[in-house]
Amino acid sequence: MLRIRYSLALVLLVIVALYAPAQTEAEQLDRTGTEQITSQEKSYAVPPDLTAEELKWYVKFQEGNLLVDGWQDISAGILAKTPDAEKPAQRKLLRNLGYRIGLEWSRDNDIRKVDTAMLKEWGKKLKSAARNNPEKLDVVLLDINTELDSLLN
């Protein structure tokens, strides 16, 4: 019984240690002039005028956590499977989608139009296309972009 308690305590400490840096980074950002976050070899635009809570969720969307890949990791996986000639266009579309999806998902639950179930569905579609049909990635990305447009308009 004592061994189980120590194991649980250790797991909690590891989770807190891994989670705390991303949360602290988001909370400590001076957003008055910040337009870019660079963290763990990842770089992404930060929407202006986010509240501290929205910024925390936006960073989580971009970077993920122990249980879920963030947009930056998903994008890197997609770009790794993308033919070189298509990478610049794919990179631009992925950045734009990540910015727009993250901005909407970070809003308060009562007003946001993108929910976690949508994120999971889109992530599965992208990962499946990257794994099974990389030549179809642009079609999947454009479908997600169209779906997002219809949700936000």
N, C-alpha and C. Protein backbone atom coordinates (compact mmCIF):
# COMPACT_ATOMS: atom_id res chain seq x y z
N MET A 1 0.83 -1.19 0.00
CA MET A 1 0.00 0.00 0.00
C MET A 1 0.87 1.25 0.00
N LEU A 2 1.92 1.23 0.79
CA LEU A 2 2.82 2.37 0.86
C LEU A 2 3.54 2.57 -0.47
N ARG A 3 3.90 1.47 -1.11
CA ARG A 3 4.58 1.54 -2.40
C ARG A 3 3.66 2.17 -3.46
N ILE A 4 2.38 1.87 -3.42
CA ILE A 4 1.42 2.45 -4.35
C ILE A 4 1.33 3.95 -4.14
N ARG A 5 1.30 4.39 -2.87
CA ARG A 5 1.24 5.82 -2.58
C ARG A 5 2.46 6.54 -3.11
N TYR A 6 3.64 5.96 -2.92
CA TYR A 6 4.86 6.58 -3.43
C TYR A 6 4.84 6.63 -4.96
N SER A 7 4.36 5.58 -5.58
CA SER A 7 4.28 5.56 -7.05
C SER A 7 3.33 6.64 -7.55
N LEU A 8 2.17 6.76 -6.91
CA LEU A 8 1.21 7.78 -7.30
C LEU A 8 1.78 9.18 -7.08
N ALA A 9 2.46 9.37 -5.97
CA ALA A 9 3.07 10.67 -5.69
C ALA A 9 4.12 11.01 -6.74
N LEU A 10 4.92 10.03 -7.13
CA LEU A 10 5.94 10.24 -8.13
C LEU A 10 5.32 10.61 -9.48
N VAL A 11 4.27 9.90 -9.87
CA VAL A 11 3.57 10.19 -11.12
C VAL A 11 3.01 11.61 -11.09
N LEU A 12 2.40 12.00 -9.98
CA LEU A 12 1.86 13.36 -9.86
C LEU A 12 2.95 14.40 -9.96
N LEU A 13 4.09 14.15 -9.32
CA LEU A 13 5.19 15.10 -9.39
C LEU A 13 5.71 15.26 -10.81
N VAL A 14 5.81 14.16 -11.54
CA VAL A 14 6.27 14.22 -12.92
C VAL A 14 5.29 15.01 -13.78
N ILE A 15 3.99 14.74 -13.60
CA ILE A 15 2.97 15.46 -14.36
C ILE A 15 3.03 16.95 -14.06
N VAL A 16 3.11 17.30 -12.79
CA VAL A 16 3.18 18.71 -12.41
C VAL A 16 4.44 19.35 -12.97
N ALA A 17 5.55 18.66 -12.91
CA ALA A 17 6.81 19.22 -13.41
C ALA A 17 6.75 19.45 -14.92
N LEU A 18 6.12 18.55 -15.64
CA LEU A 18 6.02 18.70 -17.09
C LEU A 18 4.98 19.74 -17.49
N TYR A 19 3.91 19.84 -16.71
CA TYR A 19 2.83 20.76 -17.03
C TYR A 19 3.18 22.19 -16.63
N ALA A 20 3.85 22.37 -15.55
CA ALA A 20 4.11 23.69 -15.00
C ALA A 20 4.87 24.62 -15.95
N PRO A 21 5.93 24.17 -16.66
CA PRO A 21 6.64 25.12 -17.51
C PRO A 21 5.77 25.75 -18.59
N ALA A 22 4.90 24.99 -19.24
CA ALA A 22 4.05 25.57 -20.28
C ALA A 22 3.07 26.56 -19.68
N GLN A 23 2.53 26.24 -18.53
CA GLN A 23 1.58 27.13 -17.89
C GLN A 23 2.29 28.39 -17.42
N THR A 24 3.44 28.25 -16.82
CA THR A 24 4.20 29.40 -16.36
C THR A 24 4.59 30.29 -17.53
N GLU A 25 5.04 29.68 -18.62
CA GLU A 25 5.43 30.45 -19.80
C GLU A 25 4.25 31.27 -20.30
N ALA A 26 3.09 30.66 -20.38
CA ALA A 26 1.91 31.37 -20.86
C ALA A 26 1.53 32.50 -19.92
N GLU A 27 1.60 32.25 -18.63
CA GLU A 27 1.21 33.27 -17.66
C GLU A 27 2.22 34.41 -17.59
N GLN A 28 3.48 34.14 -17.88
CA GLN A 28 4.50 35.17 -17.74
C GLN A 28 4.74 35.97 -19.01
N LEU A 29 4.10 35.61 -20.11
CA LEU A 29 4.33 36.33 -21.36
C LEU A 29 3.87 37.77 -21.23
N ASP A 30 4.69 38.67 -21.72
CA ASP A 30 4.29 40.05 -21.84
C ASP A 30 3.66 40.19 -23.21
N ARG A 31 2.33 40.17 -23.27
CA ARG A 31 1.63 40.11 -24.53
C ARG A 31 1.45 41.47 -25.18
N THR A 32 1.95 42.53 -24.59
CA THR A 32 1.75 43.84 -25.19
C THR A 32 2.39 43.93 -26.56
N GLY A 33 3.54 43.30 -26.76
CA GLY A 33 4.18 43.38 -28.06
C GLY A 33 4.55 42.02 -28.61
N THR A 34 4.16 40.95 -27.92
CA THR A 34 4.56 39.62 -28.35
C THR A 34 3.67 39.13 -29.47
N GLU A 35 4.29 38.71 -30.55
CA GLU A 35 3.54 38.14 -31.67
C GLU A 35 3.99 36.73 -31.98
N GLN A 36 5.02 36.28 -31.29
CA GLN A 36 5.60 34.98 -31.61
C GLN A 36 6.05 34.30 -30.32
N ILE A 37 5.77 33.02 -30.18
CA ILE A 37 6.31 32.23 -29.08
C ILE A 37 7.30 31.26 -29.68
N THR A 38 8.46 31.16 -29.08
CA THR A 38 9.43 30.16 -29.49
C THR A 38 9.73 29.34 -28.26
N SER A 39 9.40 28.06 -28.33
CA SER A 39 9.55 27.18 -27.19
C SER A 39 9.81 25.77 -27.69
N GLN A 40 10.74 25.09 -27.09
CA GLN A 40 11.02 23.70 -27.44
C GLN A 40 11.16 23.52 -28.95
N GLU A 41 11.92 24.42 -29.59
CA GLU A 41 12.15 24.39 -31.04
C GLU A 41 10.87 24.57 -31.84
N LYS A 42 9.84 25.15 -31.24
CA LYS A 42 8.58 25.41 -31.93
C LYS A 42 8.38 26.91 -31.97
N SER A 43 7.80 27.37 -33.03
CA SER A 43 7.56 28.79 -33.18
C SER A 43 6.19 28.98 -33.80
N TYR A 44 5.38 29.84 -33.18
CA TYR A 44 4.05 30.09 -33.70
C TYR A 44 3.57 31.47 -33.29
N ALA A 45 2.69 32.01 -34.11
CA ALA A 45 2.14 33.34 -33.86
C ALA A 45 1.17 33.30 -32.69
N VAL A 46 1.14 34.38 -31.95
CA VAL A 46 0.22 34.52 -30.82
C VAL A 46 -0.79 35.61 -31.15
N PRO A 47 -2.08 35.29 -31.09
CA PRO A 47 -3.08 36.32 -31.36
C PRO A 47 -2.98 37.46 -30.35
N PRO A 48 -3.20 38.69 -30.79
CA PRO A 48 -3.18 39.81 -29.85
C PRO A 48 -4.43 39.82 -28.97
N ASP A 49 -4.32 40.47 -27.86
CA ASP A 49 -5.47 40.75 -26.98
C ASP A 49 -6.14 39.52 -26.38
N LEU A 50 -5.41 38.45 -26.17
CA LEU A 50 -5.97 37.29 -25.46
C LEU A 50 -5.91 37.56 -23.97
N THR A 51 -6.91 37.05 -23.25
CA THR A 51 -6.84 37.09 -21.80
C THR A 51 -5.80 36.06 -21.35
N ALA A 52 -5.41 36.11 -20.09
CA ALA A 52 -4.44 35.14 -19.58
C ALA A 52 -4.98 33.72 -19.72
N GLU A 53 -6.25 33.52 -19.47
CA GLU A 53 -6.86 32.19 -19.59
C GLU A 53 -6.88 31.72 -21.04
N GLU A 54 -7.25 32.61 -21.96
CA GLU A 54 -7.26 32.26 -23.38
C GLU A 54 -5.85 31.94 -23.86
N LEU A 55 -4.87 32.70 -23.42
CA LEU A 55 -3.49 32.45 -23.81
C LEU A 55 -3.02 31.08 -23.32
N LYS A 56 -3.39 30.73 -22.11
CA LYS A 56 -3.02 29.42 -21.56
C LYS A 56 -3.57 28.30 -22.46
N TRP A 57 -4.83 28.40 -22.86
CA TRP A 57 -5.44 27.38 -23.70
C TRP A 57 -4.88 27.40 -25.12
N TYR A 58 -4.56 28.58 -25.62
CA TYR A 58 -3.95 28.69 -26.95
C TYR A 58 -2.60 27.99 -26.98
N VAL A 59 -1.79 28.21 -25.95
CA VAL A 59 -0.48 27.56 -25.85
C VAL A 59 -0.65 26.05 -25.74
N LYS A 60 -1.64 25.59 -24.95
CA LYS A 60 -1.89 24.15 -24.85
C LYS A 60 -2.28 23.56 -26.19
N PHE A 61 -3.09 24.28 -26.95
CA PHE A 61 -3.47 23.80 -28.28
C PHE A 61 -2.22 23.66 -29.16
N GLN A 62 -1.38 24.66 -29.14
CA GLN A 62 -0.19 24.65 -29.98
C GLN A 62 0.82 23.60 -29.55
N GLU A 63 1.05 23.46 -28.24
CA GLU A 63 2.13 22.60 -27.74
C GLU A 63 1.66 21.24 -27.25
N GLY A 64 0.37 21.07 -26.97
CA GLY A 64 -0.13 19.80 -26.47
C GLY A 64 0.27 19.55 -25.03
N ASN A 65 0.12 18.30 -24.61
CA ASN A 65 0.52 17.91 -23.26
C ASN A 65 0.89 16.42 -23.29
N LEU A 66 0.97 15.81 -22.13
CA LEU A 66 1.37 14.40 -22.07
C LEU A 66 0.42 13.47 -22.82
N LEU A 67 -0.85 13.83 -22.88
CA LEU A 67 -1.85 12.94 -23.45
C LEU A 67 -2.22 13.27 -24.89
N VAL A 68 -1.97 14.49 -25.32
CA VAL A 68 -2.44 14.93 -26.63
C VAL A 68 -1.33 15.68 -27.36
N ASP A 69 -1.16 15.35 -28.64
CA ASP A 69 -0.21 16.10 -29.47
C ASP A 69 -0.74 17.50 -29.71
N GLY A 70 0.15 18.47 -29.70
CA GLY A 70 -0.23 19.84 -30.04
C GLY A 70 -0.16 20.06 -31.54
N TRP A 71 -0.67 21.19 -31.96
CA TRP A 71 -0.69 21.52 -33.39
C TRP A 71 0.71 21.54 -33.97
N GLN A 72 1.68 21.99 -33.20
CA GLN A 72 3.05 22.07 -33.70
C GLN A 72 3.59 20.68 -34.04
N ASP A 73 3.33 19.69 -33.18
CA ASP A 73 3.79 18.33 -33.45
C ASP A 73 3.04 17.70 -34.62
N ILE A 74 1.74 17.95 -34.67
CA ILE A 74 0.94 17.42 -35.78
C ILE A 74 1.44 18.02 -37.10
N SER A 75 1.69 19.32 -37.09
CA SER A 75 2.19 19.99 -38.30
C SER A 75 3.54 19.44 -38.73
N ALA A 76 4.42 19.23 -37.77
CA ALA A 76 5.75 18.69 -38.10
C ALA A 76 5.62 17.30 -38.72
N GLY A 77 4.73 16.48 -38.19
CA GLY A 77 4.50 15.15 -38.75
C GLY A 77 3.96 15.20 -40.17
N ILE A 78 3.06 16.14 -40.41
CA ILE A 78 2.48 16.30 -41.75
C ILE A 78 3.55 16.78 -42.73
N LEU A 79 4.32 17.77 -42.31
CA LEU A 79 5.36 18.31 -43.20
C LEU A 79 6.44 17.27 -43.51
N ALA A 80 6.69 16.38 -42.56
CA ALA A 80 7.68 15.32 -42.81
C ALA A 80 7.22 14.38 -43.92
N LYS A 81 5.91 14.24 -44.09
CA LYS A 81 5.37 13.35 -45.12
C LYS A 81 5.03 14.08 -46.42
N THR A 82 5.16 15.40 -46.41
CA THR A 82 4.79 16.22 -47.56
C THR A 82 5.94 16.27 -48.56
N PRO A 83 5.66 16.09 -49.84
CA PRO A 83 6.71 16.24 -50.85
C PRO A 83 7.33 17.63 -50.78
N ASP A 84 8.63 17.71 -51.04
CA ASP A 84 9.37 18.97 -50.90
C ASP A 84 8.74 20.12 -51.69
N ALA A 85 8.28 19.85 -52.86
CA ALA A 85 7.71 20.91 -53.70
C ALA A 85 6.46 21.53 -53.08
N GLU A 86 5.74 20.75 -52.26
CA GLU A 86 4.49 21.23 -51.66
C GLU A 86 4.67 21.79 -50.25
N LYS A 87 5.86 21.63 -49.67
CA LYS A 87 6.07 22.04 -48.27
C LYS A 87 5.79 23.51 -47.99
N PRO A 88 6.26 24.45 -48.83
CA PRO A 88 5.97 25.86 -48.51
C PRO A 88 4.47 26.15 -48.42
N ALA A 89 3.70 25.65 -49.35
CA ALA A 89 2.24 25.88 -49.33
C ALA A 89 1.60 25.18 -48.14
N GLN A 90 2.03 23.94 -47.87
CA GLN A 90 1.49 23.20 -46.73
C GLN A 90 1.82 23.90 -45.41
N ARG A 91 3.06 24.37 -45.29
CA ARG A 91 3.49 25.05 -44.07
C ARG A 91 2.63 26.29 -43.82
N LYS A 92 2.39 27.05 -44.88
CA LYS A 92 1.57 28.26 -44.76
C LYS A 92 0.14 27.93 -44.35
N LEU A 93 -0.44 26.92 -44.97
CA LEU A 93 -1.80 26.50 -44.64
C LEU A 93 -1.87 25.98 -43.22
N LEU A 94 -0.89 25.18 -42.80
CA LEU A 94 -0.87 24.65 -41.44
C LEU A 94 -0.74 25.77 -40.41
N ARG A 95 0.12 26.74 -40.67
CA ARG A 95 0.25 27.87 -39.74
C ARG A 95 -1.05 28.64 -39.62
N ASN A 96 -1.68 28.91 -40.77
CA ASN A 96 -2.93 29.65 -40.78
C ASN A 96 -4.03 28.88 -40.03
N LEU A 97 -4.15 27.59 -40.34
CA LEU A 97 -5.14 26.77 -39.65
C LEU A 97 -4.87 26.71 -38.15
N GLY A 98 -3.62 26.49 -37.78
CA GLY A 98 -3.27 26.41 -36.36
C GLY A 98 -3.59 27.69 -35.61
N TYR A 99 -3.34 28.80 -36.25
CA TYR A 99 -3.65 30.10 -35.64
C TYR A 99 -5.16 30.25 -35.45
N ARG A 100 -5.91 30.00 -36.52
CA ARG A 100 -7.37 30.21 -36.47
C ARG A 100 -8.07 29.21 -35.56
N ILE A 101 -7.69 27.93 -35.66
CA ILE A 101 -8.32 26.91 -34.81
C ILE A 101 -7.97 27.19 -33.35
N GLY A 102 -6.70 27.45 -33.07
CA GLY A 102 -6.27 27.71 -31.70
C GLY A 102 -6.95 28.92 -31.10
N LEU A 103 -7.10 29.97 -31.89
CA LEU A 103 -7.76 31.18 -31.41
C LEU A 103 -9.20 30.89 -31.01
N GLU A 104 -9.90 30.18 -31.86
CA GLU A 104 -11.31 29.87 -31.57
C GLU A 104 -11.44 28.89 -30.41
N TRP A 105 -10.59 27.87 -30.38
CA TRP A 105 -10.67 26.85 -29.34
C TRP A 105 -10.31 27.41 -27.96
N SER A 106 -9.51 28.45 -27.92
CA SER A 106 -9.10 29.02 -26.64
C SER A 106 -10.17 29.90 -26.00
N ARG A 107 -11.21 30.20 -26.73
CA ARG A 107 -12.28 31.05 -26.19
C ARG A 107 -13.06 30.32 -25.10
N ASP A 108 -13.84 31.08 -24.38
CA ASP A 108 -14.70 30.53 -23.34
C ASP A 108 -15.66 29.50 -23.95
N ASN A 109 -15.91 28.42 -23.21
CA ASN A 109 -16.75 27.33 -23.71
C ASN A 109 -18.11 27.80 -24.21
N ASP A 110 -18.65 28.85 -23.60
CA ASP A 110 -20.00 29.30 -23.96
C ASP A 110 -20.05 29.96 -25.34
N ILE A 111 -18.91 30.44 -25.84
CA ILE A 111 -18.95 31.18 -27.11
C ILE A 111 -18.13 30.55 -28.23
N ARG A 112 -17.27 29.61 -27.88
CA ARG A 112 -16.42 29.05 -28.93
C ARG A 112 -17.22 28.15 -29.86
N LYS A 113 -16.75 28.09 -31.10
CA LYS A 113 -17.43 27.29 -32.13
C LYS A 113 -16.64 26.05 -32.50
N VAL A 114 -15.44 25.92 -31.96
CA VAL A 114 -14.61 24.74 -32.18
C VAL A 114 -14.46 24.04 -30.83
N ASP A 115 -14.85 22.79 -30.78
CA ASP A 115 -14.74 22.08 -29.50
C ASP A 115 -13.69 20.97 -29.58
N THR A 116 -13.45 20.35 -28.46
CA THR A 116 -12.41 19.33 -28.37
C THR A 116 -12.70 18.13 -29.28
N ALA A 117 -13.96 17.77 -29.42
CA ALA A 117 -14.32 16.65 -30.30
C ALA A 117 -13.92 16.94 -31.74
N MET A 118 -14.09 18.18 -32.17
CA MET A 118 -13.68 18.57 -33.53
C MET A 118 -12.17 18.47 -33.68
N LEU A 119 -11.45 18.93 -32.66
CA LEU A 119 -9.99 18.84 -32.70
C LEU A 119 -9.54 17.40 -32.85
N LYS A 120 -10.15 16.51 -32.09
CA LYS A 120 -9.79 15.09 -32.17
C LYS A 120 -10.08 14.53 -33.55
N GLU A 121 -11.25 14.87 -34.09
CA GLU A 121 -11.63 14.37 -35.41
C GLU A 121 -10.67 14.88 -36.48
N TRP A 122 -10.36 16.17 -36.45
CA TRP A 122 -9.44 16.74 -37.44
C TRP A 122 -8.05 16.14 -37.29
N GLY A 123 -7.61 15.97 -36.06
CA GLY A 123 -6.30 15.37 -35.82
C GLY A 123 -6.21 13.96 -36.37
N LYS A 124 -7.27 13.17 -36.15
CA LYS A 124 -7.30 11.80 -36.68
C LYS A 124 -7.25 11.79 -38.20
N LYS A 125 -8.03 12.67 -38.82
CA LYS A 125 -8.04 12.74 -40.29
C LYS A 125 -6.65 13.09 -40.82
N LEU A 126 -6.01 14.07 -40.20
CA LEU A 126 -4.69 14.49 -40.66
C LEU A 126 -3.65 13.40 -40.46
N LYS A 127 -3.66 12.77 -39.30
CA LYS A 127 -2.68 11.72 -39.04
C LYS A 127 -2.91 10.52 -39.95
N SER A 128 -4.17 10.19 -40.19
CA SER A 128 -4.49 9.06 -41.07
C SER A 128 -4.02 9.36 -42.50
N ALA A 129 -4.29 10.56 -42.97
CA ALA A 129 -3.85 10.91 -44.33
C ALA A 129 -2.33 10.91 -44.42
N ALA A 130 -1.67 11.45 -43.41
CA ALA A 130 -0.19 11.48 -43.42
C ALA A 130 0.38 10.08 -43.43
N ARG A 131 -0.25 9.17 -42.72
CA ARG A 131 0.24 7.81 -42.62
C ARG A 131 -0.11 6.98 -43.86
N ASN A 132 -1.34 7.10 -44.34
CA ASN A 132 -1.83 6.20 -45.38
C ASN A 132 -1.84 6.79 -46.79
N ASN A 133 -2.12 8.08 -46.90
CA ASN A 133 -2.24 8.74 -48.21
C ASN A 133 -1.63 10.14 -48.16
N PRO A 134 -0.33 10.27 -48.02
CA PRO A 134 0.27 11.60 -47.90
C PRO A 134 -0.06 12.51 -49.08
N GLU A 135 -0.31 11.93 -50.23
CA GLU A 135 -0.65 12.74 -51.39
C GLU A 135 -2.02 13.42 -51.24
N LYS A 136 -2.82 12.97 -50.27
CA LYS A 136 -4.16 13.53 -50.04
C LYS A 136 -4.17 14.56 -48.90
N LEU A 137 -3.01 14.84 -48.31
CA LEU A 137 -2.96 15.78 -47.18
C LEU A 137 -3.51 17.15 -47.55
N ASP A 138 -3.20 17.62 -48.74
CA ASP A 138 -3.69 18.95 -49.12
C ASP A 138 -5.21 18.98 -49.19
N VAL A 139 -5.82 17.88 -49.63
CA VAL A 139 -7.28 17.80 -49.70
C VAL A 139 -7.87 17.82 -48.29
N VAL A 140 -7.28 17.07 -47.37
CA VAL A 140 -7.77 17.03 -45.99
C VAL A 140 -7.63 18.40 -45.34
N LEU A 141 -6.48 19.05 -45.55
CA LEU A 141 -6.27 20.38 -44.99
C LEU A 141 -7.27 21.39 -45.54
N LEU A 142 -7.53 21.33 -46.82
CA LEU A 142 -8.50 22.24 -47.41
C LEU A 142 -9.91 21.95 -46.92
N ASP A 143 -10.25 20.67 -46.70
CA ASP A 143 -11.56 20.31 -46.14
C ASP A 143 -11.72 20.89 -44.74
N ILE A 144 -10.67 20.75 -43.92
CA ILE A 144 -10.72 21.30 -42.55
C ILE A 144 -10.84 22.82 -42.61
N ASN A 145 -10.09 23.44 -43.51
CA ASN A 145 -10.16 24.89 -43.67
C ASN A 145 -11.57 25.34 -44.05
N THR A 146 -12.19 24.61 -44.99
CA THR A 146 -13.57 24.93 -45.42
C THR A 146 -14.54 24.75 -44.28
N GLU A 147 -14.39 23.66 -43.52
CA GLU A 147 -15.26 23.42 -42.37
C GLU A 147 -15.11 24.52 -41.33
N LEU A 148 -13.87 24.93 -41.09
CA LEU A 148 -13.62 26.01 -40.14
C LEU A 148 -14.25 27.32 -40.62
N ASP A 149 -14.09 27.61 -41.91
CA ASP A 149 -14.72 28.82 -42.48
C ASP A 149 -16.22 28.83 -42.24
N SER A 150 -16.87 27.68 -42.48
CA SER A 150 -18.32 27.63 -42.31
C SER A 150 -18.72 27.76 -40.83
N LEU A 151 -17.90 27.25 -39.93
CA LEU A 151 -18.19 27.40 -38.50
C LEU A 151 -18.06 28.85 -38.03
N LEU A 152 -17.05 29.53 -38.54
CA LEU A 152 -16.75 30.88 -38.05
C LEU A 152 -17.55 31.97 -38.75
N ASN A 153 -18.19 31.65 -39.85
CA ASN A 153 -18.98 32.67 -40.57
C ASN A 153 -20.45 32.52 -40.33
